[in-house]
Amino acid sequence: EVQLVESGGGLVQPGGSLKLSCAASGFTFSNYDMKWLRQAPGKGLEWVSTVWSVSGSTSYADSVKGRFTISRDNPKSMLYLQMNSLKPEDTAMYYCATDNYRGQGTQVTVSS
């Protein structure tokens, strides 16, 4: 059974940092491209970042480029998202995902 379990969310002040983690199981993690998605209150699902399985290359939405860093640890089947210089508009539920599966999410709230 595929499982994706996010953690690390919370309340942070504008300009602060958080690091999200995603523990993956039930599939061969190293074979899959992994992504972070987010959904702000009242808005649709938004792609944030992808890290590719083979090359390890990364891609980011323009809204987070230069502030967020995606990474993966294949031996541990872990996905990460380091978020710096957080803004109120980054407030959302953040999801770890493959093309076909998504976790339950972890809430990030950026507010003073």
Protein backbone atom coordinates (compact mmCIF):
# COMPACT_ATOMS: atom_id res chain seq x y z
CA GLU A 1 0.00 0.00 0.00
CA VAL A 2 1.40 3.36 -1.01
CA GLN A 3 1.74 5.78 1.88
CA LEU A 4 2.95 9.38 1.87
CA VAL A 5 3.09 11.02 5.29
CA GLU A 6 3.96 14.70 5.56
CA SER A 7 5.23 16.45 8.67
CA GLY A 8 6.93 19.68 9.71
CA GLY A 9 4.20 22.22 9.14
CA GLY A 10 3.21 24.85 11.66
CA LEU A 11 2.78 28.52 12.39
CA VAL A 12 5.66 30.79 11.43
CA GLN A 13 6.12 34.56 11.18
CA PRO A 14 6.71 36.23 7.81
CA GLY A 15 10.35 35.91 6.86
CA GLY A 16 10.73 32.70 8.82
CA SER A 17 11.64 29.19 7.73
CA LEU A 18 10.18 25.70 7.92
CA LYS A 19 11.33 22.34 6.64
CA LEU A 20 8.69 19.87 5.52
CA SER A 21 9.34 16.15 5.39
CA CYS A 22 7.53 13.33 3.63
CA ALA A 23 8.00 9.68 4.53
CA ALA A 24 7.19 7.39 1.61
CA SER A 25 6.48 3.67 1.69
CA GLY A 26 4.83 0.95 -0.35
CA PHE A 27 6.69 1.64 -3.56
CA THR A 28 10.24 1.94 -4.89
CA PHE A 29 10.81 5.57 -3.99
CA SER A 30 13.98 6.02 -6.02
CA ASN A 31 12.13 5.17 -9.25
CA TYR A 32 9.60 7.96 -8.98
CA ASP A 33 9.58 11.68 -9.63
CA MET A 34 8.35 13.38 -6.49
CA LYS A 35 6.58 16.69 -6.05
CA TRP A 36 5.18 19.10 -3.52
CA LEU A 37 1.75 20.59 -4.06
CA ARG A 38 -0.18 23.09 -1.97
CA GLN A 39 -3.72 24.30 -1.57
CA ALA A 40 -4.53 27.64 0.00
CA PRO A 41 -7.91 28.24 1.64
CA GLY A 42 -10.58 28.66 -1.01
CA LYS A 43 -8.17 28.02 -3.88
CA GLY A 44 -7.26 25.13 -6.14
CA LEU A 45 -4.35 22.76 -5.92
CA GLU A 46 -1.07 24.41 -6.94
CA TRP A 47 2.14 22.72 -8.02
CA VAL A 48 5.14 23.91 -5.96
CA SER A 49 8.16 21.84 -6.94
CA THR A 50 9.37 18.59 -8.49
CA VAL A 51 12.53 16.55 -8.07
CA TRP A 52 13.14 13.98 -10.79
CA SER A 53 14.02 10.40 -9.98
CA VAL A 54 16.86 9.72 -12.40
CA SER A 55 18.67 13.02 -12.79
CA GLY A 56 17.81 14.55 -9.44
CA SER A 57 17.01 17.75 -11.30
CA THR A 58 14.58 20.14 -9.70
CA SER A 59 11.95 22.60 -10.84
CA TYR A 60 10.00 25.29 -8.99
CA ALA A 61 6.94 27.42 -9.40
CA ASP A 62 7.86 31.05 -10.01
CA SER A 63 6.12 32.00 -6.76
CA VAL A 64 8.64 30.01 -4.67
CA LYS A 65 11.76 30.07 -6.82
CA GLY A 66 14.80 31.22 -4.86
CA ARG A 67 13.05 30.68 -1.50
CA PHE A 68 12.17 26.97 -1.45
CA THR A 69 14.46 23.98 -1.97
CA ILE A 70 13.25 20.46 -2.70
CA SER A 71 15.44 17.46 -1.96
CA ARG A 72 15.20 13.70 -1.59
CA ASP A 73 16.99 10.95 0.29
CA ASN A 74 16.43 7.80 -1.71
CA PRO A 75 17.91 5.29 0.79
CA LYS A 76 15.56 6.66 3.45
CA SER A 77 12.59 7.13 1.07
CA MET A 78 12.25 10.70 2.26
CA LEU A 79 11.27 13.89 0.46
CA TYR A 80 11.93 17.36 1.87
CA LEU A 81 10.98 20.96 1.23
CA GLN A 82 13.08 23.68 2.85
CA MET A 83 11.07 26.87 2.88
CA ASN A 84 12.80 30.18 3.61
CA SER A 85 11.66 33.80 3.54
CA LEU A 86 8.09 32.67 4.03
CA LYS A 87 5.27 35.02 3.09
CA PRO A 88 1.62 35.12 4.19
CA GLU A 89 0.65 33.98 0.69
CA ASP A 90 2.55 30.74 1.31
CA THR A 91 -0.15 29.77 3.83
CA ALA A 92 -1.62 26.49 2.60
CA MET A 93 -1.93 22.78 3.13
CA TYR A 94 1.20 21.21 1.65
CA TYR A 95 1.11 17.78 0.06
CA CYS A 96 3.78 15.32 -0.96
CA ALA A 97 2.79 13.53 -4.16
CA THR A 98 3.62 11.28 -7.03
CA ASP A 99 1.70 11.42 -10.29
CA ASN A 100 -0.91 9.07 -8.86
CA TYR A 101 -0.80 9.45 -5.09
CA ARG A 102 -0.93 12.26 -2.56
CA GLY A 103 -0.50 12.36 1.21
CA GLN A 104 -2.87 13.85 3.76
CA GLY A 105 -0.92 17.08 3.94
CA THR A 106 0.66 19.30 6.57
CA GLN A 107 -0.61 22.80 7.32
CA VAL A 108 1.70 25.79 6.95
CA THR A 109 0.47 29.12 8.30
CA VAL A 110 2.53 32.28 7.83
CA SER A 111 1.24 35.05 10.03
CA SER A 112 2.43 37.64 12.51
